[in-house]
Amino acid sequence: MICPRCQQDYIAQARIKVTETVIFICPECDSIWFGLEKIGRMPFLDYGTYMEGIGLSGLWDELEILVERI
């Protein structure tokens, strides 16, 4: 699935290692969603902003990529 925000890359499924939260993220623009069905239907969140909001750095090392292309 191509990112509906930037249309530059495929959406990946990832897990935030510390919280074990599954997210869907665009590697190009760092938009995230919290459910596959929400992509393109719900507003995106910025990965860095979200991670800082939960006390993490926002580096990609904090993610485990589960599926590279949805």
PDB file of N, CA and C in Angstrom:
ATOM      1  N   MET A   1       0.843  -1.173   0.000  1.00  0.00           N
ATOM      2  CA  MET A   1       0.000   0.000   0.000  1.00  0.00           C
ATOM      3  C   MET A   1       0.894   1.243   0.000  1.00  0.00           C
ATOM      4  N   ILE A   2       0.665   2.102  -0.950  1.00  0.00           N
ATOM      5  CA  ILE A   2       1.410   3.361  -1.036  1.00  0.00           C
ATOM      6  C   ILE A   2       0.869   4.332   0.015  1.00  0.00           C
ATOM      7  N   CYS A   3       1.738   5.086   0.624  1.00  0.00           N
ATOM      8  CA  CYS A   3       1.353   6.062   1.646  1.00  0.00           C
ATOM      9  C   CYS A   3       0.377   7.087   1.043  1.00  0.00           C
ATOM     10  N   PRO A   4      -0.798   7.251   1.656  1.00  0.00           N
ATOM     11  CA  PRO A   4      -1.757   8.222   1.126  1.00  0.00           C
ATOM     12  C   PRO A   4      -1.352   9.676   1.385  1.00  0.00           C
ATOM     13  N   ARG A   5      -0.405   9.884   2.285  1.00  0.00           N
ATOM     14  CA  ARG A   5       0.031  11.252   2.573  1.00  0.00           C
ATOM     15  C   ARG A   5       1.041  11.743   1.544  1.00  0.00           C
ATOM     16  N   CYS A   6       2.151  11.011   1.385  1.00  0.00           N
ATOM     17  CA  CYS A   6       3.230  11.487   0.510  1.00  0.00           C
ATOM     18  C   CYS A   6       3.252  10.796  -0.849  1.00  0.00           C
ATOM     19  N   GLN A   7       2.658   9.622  -0.926  1.00  0.00           N
ATOM     20  CA  GLN A   7       2.636   8.817  -2.145  1.00  0.00           C
ATOM     21  C   GLN A   7       4.045   8.531  -2.681  1.00  0.00           C
ATOM     22  N   GLN A   8       5.007   8.382  -1.780  1.00  0.00           N
ATOM     23  CA  GLN A   8       6.398   8.168  -2.161  1.00  0.00           C
ATOM     24  C   GLN A   8       6.953   6.798  -1.766  1.00  0.00           C
ATOM     25  N   ASP A   9       6.286   6.088  -0.839  1.00  0.00           N
ATOM     26  CA  ASP A   9       6.818   4.814  -0.358  1.00  0.00           C
ATOM     27  C   ASP A   9       5.661   3.936   0.116  1.00  0.00           C
ATOM     28  N   TYR A  10       5.985   2.679   0.354  1.00  0.00           N
ATOM     29  CA  TYR A  10       5.003   1.727   0.846  1.00  0.00           C
ATOM     30  C   TYR A  10       4.911   1.800   2.369  1.00  0.00           C
ATOM     31  N   ILE A  11       3.731   1.541   2.900  1.00  0.00           N
ATOM     32  CA  ILE A  11       3.507   1.490   4.338  1.00  0.00           C
ATOM     33  C   ILE A  11       4.122   0.201   4.879  1.00  0.00           C
ATOM     34  N   ALA A  12       4.786   0.296   6.022  1.00  0.00           N
ATOM     35  CA  ALA A  12       5.356  -0.863   6.702  1.00  0.00           C
ATOM     36  C   ALA A  12       4.625  -1.074   8.027  1.00  0.00           C
ATOM     37  N   GLN A  13       4.576  -2.315   8.469  1.00  0.00           N
ATOM     38  CA  GLN A  13       4.036  -2.618   9.790  1.00  0.00           C
ATOM     39  C   GLN A  13       5.217  -2.789  10.729  1.00  0.00           C
ATOM     40  N   ALA A  14       5.150  -2.153  11.877  1.00  0.00           N
ATOM     41  CA  ALA A  14       6.261  -2.202  12.830  1.00  0.00           C
ATOM     42  C   ALA A  14       5.726  -2.278  14.257  1.00  0.00           C
ATOM     43  N   ARG A  15       6.605  -2.664  15.156  1.00  0.00           N
ATOM     44  CA  ARG A  15       6.273  -2.713  16.585  1.00  0.00           C
ATOM     45  C   ARG A  15       7.243  -1.801  17.320  1.00  0.00           C
ATOM     46  N   ILE A  16       6.717  -0.948  18.175  1.00  0.00           N
ATOM     47  CA  ILE A  16       7.565  -0.140  19.053  1.00  0.00           C
ATOM     48  C   ILE A  16       8.071  -1.093  20.131  1.00  0.00           C
ATOM     49  N   LYS A  17       9.372  -1.288  20.203  1.00  0.00           N
ATOM     50  CA  LYS A  17       9.954  -2.317  21.063  1.00  0.00           C
ATOM     51  C   LYS A  17       9.585  -2.152  22.536  1.00  0.00           C
ATOM     52  N   VAL A  18       9.640  -0.950  23.052  1.00  0.00           N
ATOM     53  CA  VAL A  18       9.415  -0.727  24.481  1.00  0.00           C
ATOM     54  C   VAL A  18       7.965  -0.957  24.881  1.00  0.00           C
ATOM     55  N   THR A  19       7.041  -0.483  24.074  1.00  0.00           N
ATOM     56  CA  THR A  19       5.621  -0.567  24.427  1.00  0.00           C
ATOM     57  C   THR A  19       4.901  -1.742  23.770  1.00  0.00           C
ATOM     58  N   GLU A  20       5.537  -2.355  22.774  1.00  0.00           N
ATOM     59  CA  GLU A  20       4.969  -3.447  21.979  1.00  0.00           C
ATOM     60  C   GLU A  20       3.737  -3.011  21.177  1.00  0.00           C
ATOM     61  N   THR A  21       3.582  -1.719  20.989  1.00  0.00           N
ATOM     62  CA  THR A  21       2.490  -1.179  20.183  1.00  0.00           C
ATOM     63  C   THR A  21       2.784  -1.407  18.709  1.00  0.00           C
ATOM     64  N   VAL A  22       1.817  -1.941  17.979  1.00  0.00           N
ATOM     65  CA  VAL A  22       1.961  -2.143  16.535  1.00  0.00           C
ATOM     66  C   VAL A  22       1.489  -0.873  15.838  1.00  0.00           C
ATOM     67  N   ILE A  23       2.313  -0.404  14.912  1.00  0.00           N
ATOM     68  CA  ILE A  23       1.985   0.790  14.133  1.00  0.00           C
ATOM     69  C   ILE A  23       2.177   0.495  12.652  1.00  0.00           C
ATOM     70  N   PHE A  24       1.632   1.350  11.841  1.00  0.00           N
ATOM     71  CA  PHE A  24       1.838   1.306  10.400  1.00  0.00           C
ATOM     72  C   PHE A  24       2.508   2.624  10.044  1.00  0.00           C
ATOM     73  N   ILE A  25       3.667   2.549   9.409  1.00  0.00           N
ATOM     74  CA  ILE A  25       4.502   3.728   9.213  1.00  0.00           C
ATOM     75  C   ILE A  25       4.991   3.838   7.772  1.00  0.00           C
ATOM     76  N   CYS A  26       5.073   5.063   7.299  1.00  0.00           N
ATOM     77  CA  CYS A  26       5.669   5.334   5.993  1.00  0.00           C
ATOM     78  C   CYS A  26       7.142   5.659   6.203  1.00  0.00           C
ATOM     79  N   PRO A  27       8.054   4.883   5.628  1.00  0.00           N
ATOM     80  CA  PRO A  27       9.485   5.149   5.784  1.00  0.00           C
ATOM     81  C   PRO A  27       9.932   6.476   5.167  1.00  0.00           C
ATOM     82  N   GLU A  28       9.165   6.998   4.236  1.00  0.00           N
ATOM     83  CA  GLU A  28       9.545   8.239   3.572  1.00  0.00           C
ATOM     84  C   GLU A  28       9.167   9.480   4.382  1.00  0.00           C
ATOM     85  N   CYS A  29       7.922   9.570   4.812  1.00  0.00           N
ATOM     86  CA  CYS A  29       7.460  10.797   5.485  1.00  0.00           C
ATOM     87  C   CYS A  29       7.221  10.622   6.982  1.00  0.00           C
ATOM     88  N   ASP A  30       7.414   9.410   7.513  1.00  0.00           N
ATOM     89  CA  ASP A  30       7.259   9.106   8.940  1.00  0.00           C
ATOM     90  C   ASP A  30       5.844   9.320   9.467  1.00  0.00           C
ATOM     91  N   SER A  31       4.850   9.209   8.596  1.00  0.00           N
ATOM     92  CA  SER A  31       3.461   9.224   9.053  1.00  0.00           C
ATOM     93  C   SER A  31       3.158   7.876   9.690  1.00  0.00           C
ATOM     94  N   ILE A  32       2.369   7.887  10.760  1.00  0.00           N
ATOM     95  CA  ILE A  32       1.970   6.623  11.389  1.00  0.00           C
ATOM     96  C   ILE A  32       0.463   6.583  11.598  1.00  0.00           C
ATOM     97  N   TRP A  33      -0.030   5.345  11.625  1.00  0.00           N
ATOM     98  CA  TRP A  33      -1.416   5.040  11.949  1.00  0.00           C
ATOM     99  C   TRP A  33      -1.397   3.848  12.890  1.00  0.00           C
ATOM    100  N   PHE A  34      -2.475   3.664  13.648  1.00  0.00           N
ATOM    101  CA  PHE A  34      -2.546   2.589  14.633  1.00  0.00           C
ATOM    102  C   PHE A  34      -3.468   1.446  14.224  1.00  0.00           C
ATOM    103  N   GLY A  35      -3.819   1.382  12.976  1.00  0.00           N
ATOM    104  CA  GLY A  35      -4.609   0.282  12.462  1.00  0.00           C
ATOM    105  C   GLY A  35      -4.607   0.320  10.943  1.00  0.00           C
ATOM    106  N   LEU A  36      -4.520  -0.838  10.338  1.00  0.00           N
ATOM    107  CA  LEU A  36      -4.485  -0.920   8.885  1.00  0.00           C
ATOM    108  C   LEU A  36      -5.722  -0.266   8.278  1.00  0.00           C
ATOM    109  N   GLU A  37      -6.856  -0.483   8.903  1.00  0.00           N
ATOM    110  CA  GLU A  37      -8.108   0.070   8.384  1.00  0.00           C
ATOM    111  C   GLU A  37      -8.189   1.588   8.533  1.00  0.00           C
ATOM    112  N   LYS A  38      -7.305   2.179   9.320  1.00  0.00           N
ATOM    113  CA  LYS A  38      -7.313   3.630   9.546  1.00  0.00           C
ATOM    114  C   LYS A  38      -6.462   4.401   8.534  1.00  0.00           C
ATOM    115  N   ILE A  39      -5.626   3.696   7.798  1.00  0.00           N
ATOM    116  CA  ILE A  39      -4.744   4.361   6.842  1.00  0.00           C
ATOM    117  C   ILE A  39      -5.582   5.008   5.739  1.00  0.00           C
ATOM    118  N   GLY A  40      -5.421   6.305   5.593  1.00  0.00           N
ATOM    119  CA  GLY A  40      -6.160   7.041   4.589  1.00  0.00           C
ATOM    120  C   GLY A  40      -7.553   7.463   5.018  1.00  0.00           C
ATOM    121  N   ARG A  41      -8.039   6.908   6.127  1.00  0.00           N
ATOM    122  CA  ARG A  41      -9.368   7.258   6.636  1.00  0.00           C
ATOM    123  C   ARG A  41      -9.282   8.131   7.877  1.00  0.00           C
ATOM    124  N   MET A  42      -8.236   7.959   8.636  1.00  0.00           N
ATOM    125  CA  MET A  42      -8.016   8.733   9.853  1.00  0.00           C
ATOM    126  C   MET A  42      -6.785   9.604   9.647  1.00  0.00           C
ATOM    127  N   PRO A  43      -6.715  10.737  10.350  1.00  0.00           N
ATOM    128  CA  PRO A  43      -5.516  11.572  10.228  1.00  0.00           C
ATOM    129  C   PRO A  43      -4.265  10.797  10.675  1.00  0.00           C
ATOM    130  N   PHE A  44      -3.155  11.093  10.039  1.00  0.00           N
ATOM    131  CA  PHE A  44      -1.888  10.469  10.416  1.00  0.00           C
ATOM    132  C   PHE A  44      -1.301  11.200  11.621  1.00  0.00           C
ATOM    133  N   LEU A  45      -0.366  10.552  12.287  1.00  0.00           N
ATOM    134  CA  LEU A  45       0.456  11.188  13.319  1.00  0.00           C
ATOM    135  C   LEU A  45       1.889  11.188  12.822  1.00  0.00           C
ATOM    136  N   ASP A  46       2.680  12.139  13.273  1.00  0.00           N
ATOM    137  CA  ASP A  46       4.101  12.180  12.957  1.00  0.00           C
ATOM    138  C   ASP A  46       4.834  11.255  13.924  1.00  0.00           C
ATOM    139  N   TYR A  47       5.634  10.340  13.387  1.00  0.00           N
ATOM    140  CA  TYR A  47       6.345   9.354  14.207  1.00  0.00           C
ATOM    141  C   TYR A  47       7.199  10.007  15.289  1.00  0.00           C
ATOM    142  N   GLY A  48       8.038  10.973  14.919  1.00  0.00           N
ATOM    143  CA  GLY A  48       8.923  11.617  15.893  1.00  0.00           C
ATOM    144  C   GLY A  48       8.159  12.321  16.998  1.00  0.00           C
ATOM    145  N   THR A  49       7.108  13.013  16.630  1.00  0.00           N
ATOM    146  CA  THR A  49       6.294  13.723  17.614  1.00  0.00           C
ATOM    147  C   THR A  49       5.621  12.740  18.566  1.00  0.00           C
ATOM    148  N   TYR A  50       5.069  11.662  18.012  1.00  0.00           N
ATOM    149  CA  TYR A  50       4.423  10.650  18.848  1.00  0.00           C
ATOM    150  C   TYR A  50       5.424  10.030  19.821  1.00  0.00           C
ATOM    151  N   MET A  51       6.590   9.650  19.310  1.00  0.00           N
ATOM    152  CA  MET A  51       7.585   8.995  20.156  1.00  0.00           C
ATOM    153  C   MET A  51       8.082   9.919  21.264  1.00  0.00           C
ATOM    154  N   GLU A  52       8.325  11.172  20.938  1.00  0.00           N
ATOM    155  CA  GLU A  52       8.731  12.125  21.971  1.00  0.00           C
ATOM    156  C   GLU A  52       7.632  12.275  23.016  1.00  0.00           C
ATOM    157  N   GLY A  53       6.386  12.236  22.587  1.00  0.00           N
ATOM    158  CA  GLY A  53       5.259  12.353  23.496  1.00  0.00           C
ATOM    159  C   GLY A  53       5.151  11.207  24.490  1.00  0.00           C
ATOM    160  N   ILE A  54       5.700  10.039  24.139  1.00  0.00           N
ATOM    161  CA  ILE A  54       5.682   8.914  25.077  1.00  0.00           C
ATOM    162  C   ILE A  54       7.053   8.696  25.719  1.00  0.00           C
ATOM    163  N   GLY A  55       7.930   9.697  25.576  1.00  0.00           N
ATOM    164  CA  GLY A  55       9.222   9.666  26.264  1.00  0.00           C
ATOM    165  C   GLY A  55      10.327   8.911  25.561  1.00  0.00           C
ATOM    166  N   LEU A  56      10.190   8.678  24.263  1.00  0.00           N
ATOM    167  CA  LEU A  56      11.219   7.978  23.505  1.00  0.00           C
ATOM    168  C   LEU A  56      11.863   8.928  22.506  1.00  0.00           C
ATOM    169  N   SER A  57      12.980   8.521  21.927  1.00  0.00           N
ATOM    170  CA  SER A  57      13.759   9.421  21.075  1.00  0.00           C
ATOM    171  C   SER A  57      13.200   9.587  19.660  1.00  0.00           C
ATOM    172  N   GLY A  58      12.481   8.589  19.173  1.00  0.00           N
ATOM    173  CA  GLY A  58      11.964   8.671  17.812  1.00  0.00           C
ATOM    174  C   GLY A  58      12.904   8.113  16.760  1.00  0.00           C
ATOM    175  N   LEU A  59      13.950   7.429  17.185  1.00  0.00           N
ATOM    176  CA  LEU A  59      14.865   6.787  16.244  1.00  0.00           C
ATOM    177  C   LEU A  59      14.250   5.487  15.737  1.00  0.00           C
ATOM    178  N   TRP A  60      14.598   5.121  14.523  1.00  0.00           N
ATOM    179  CA  TRP A  60      14.068   3.889  13.953  1.00  0.00           C
ATOM    180  C   TRP A  60      14.593   2.651  14.666  1.00  0.00           C
ATOM    181  N   ASP A  61      15.670   2.778  15.437  1.00  0.00           N
ATOM    182  CA  ASP A  61      16.185   1.656  16.230  1.00  0.00           C
ATOM    183  C   ASP A  61      15.182   1.214  17.284  1.00  0.00           C
ATOM    184  N   GLU A  62      14.226   2.060  17.602  1.00  0.00           N
ATOM    185  CA  GLU A  62      13.212   1.731  18.603  1.00  0.00           C
ATOM    186  C   GLU A  62      12.069   0.906  18.012  1.00  0.00           C
ATOM    187  N   LEU A  63      12.168   0.610  16.710  1.00  0.00           N
ATOM    188  CA  LEU A  63      11.147  -0.173  16.028  1.00  0.00           C
ATOM    189  C   LEU A  63      11.666  -1.540  15.621  1.00  0.00           C
ATOM    190  N   GLU A  64      10.763  -2.492  15.592  1.00  0.00           N
ATOM    191  CA  GLU A  64      11.015  -3.794  14.971  1.00  0.00           C
ATOM    192  C   GLU A  64      10.088  -3.844  13.758  1.00  0.00           C
ATOM    193  N   ILE A  65      10.646  -3.920  12.579  1.00  0.00           N
ATOM    194  CA  ILE A  65       9.837  -3.990  11.366  1.00  0.00           C
ATOM    195  C   ILE A  65       9.259  -5.399  11.255  1.00  0.00           C
ATOM    196  N   LEU A  66       7.943  -5.494  11.173  1.00  0.00           N
ATOM    197  CA  LEU A  66       7.260  -6.776  11.067  1.00  0.00           C
ATOM    198  C   LEU A  66       6.998  -7.154   9.611  1.00  0.00           C
ATOM    199  N   VAL A  67       6.540  -6.190   8.832  1.00  0.00           N
ATOM    200  CA  VAL A  67       6.262  -6.384   7.415  1.00  0.00           C
ATOM    201  C   VAL A  67       6.753  -5.146   6.681  1.00  0.00           C
ATOM    202  N   GLU A  68       7.660  -5.320   5.725  1.00  0.00           N
ATOM    203  CA  GLU A  68       8.244  -4.157   5.052  1.00  0.00           C
ATOM    204  C   GLU A  68       7.284  -3.446   4.126  1.00  0.00           C
ATOM    205  N   ARG A  69       6.383  -4.187   3.506  1.00  0.00           N
ATOM    206  CA  ARG A  69       5.409  -3.583   2.581  1.00  0.00           C
ATOM    207  C   ARG A  69       4.045  -4.180   2.835  1.00  0.00           C
ATOM    208  N   ILE A  70       3.106  -3.336   3.174  1.00  0.00           N
ATOM    209  CA  ILE A  70       1.722  -3.797   3.387  1.00  0.00           C
ATOM    210  C   ILE A  70       1.008  -3.774   2.053  1.00  0.00           C
TER     211      ILE A  70
END
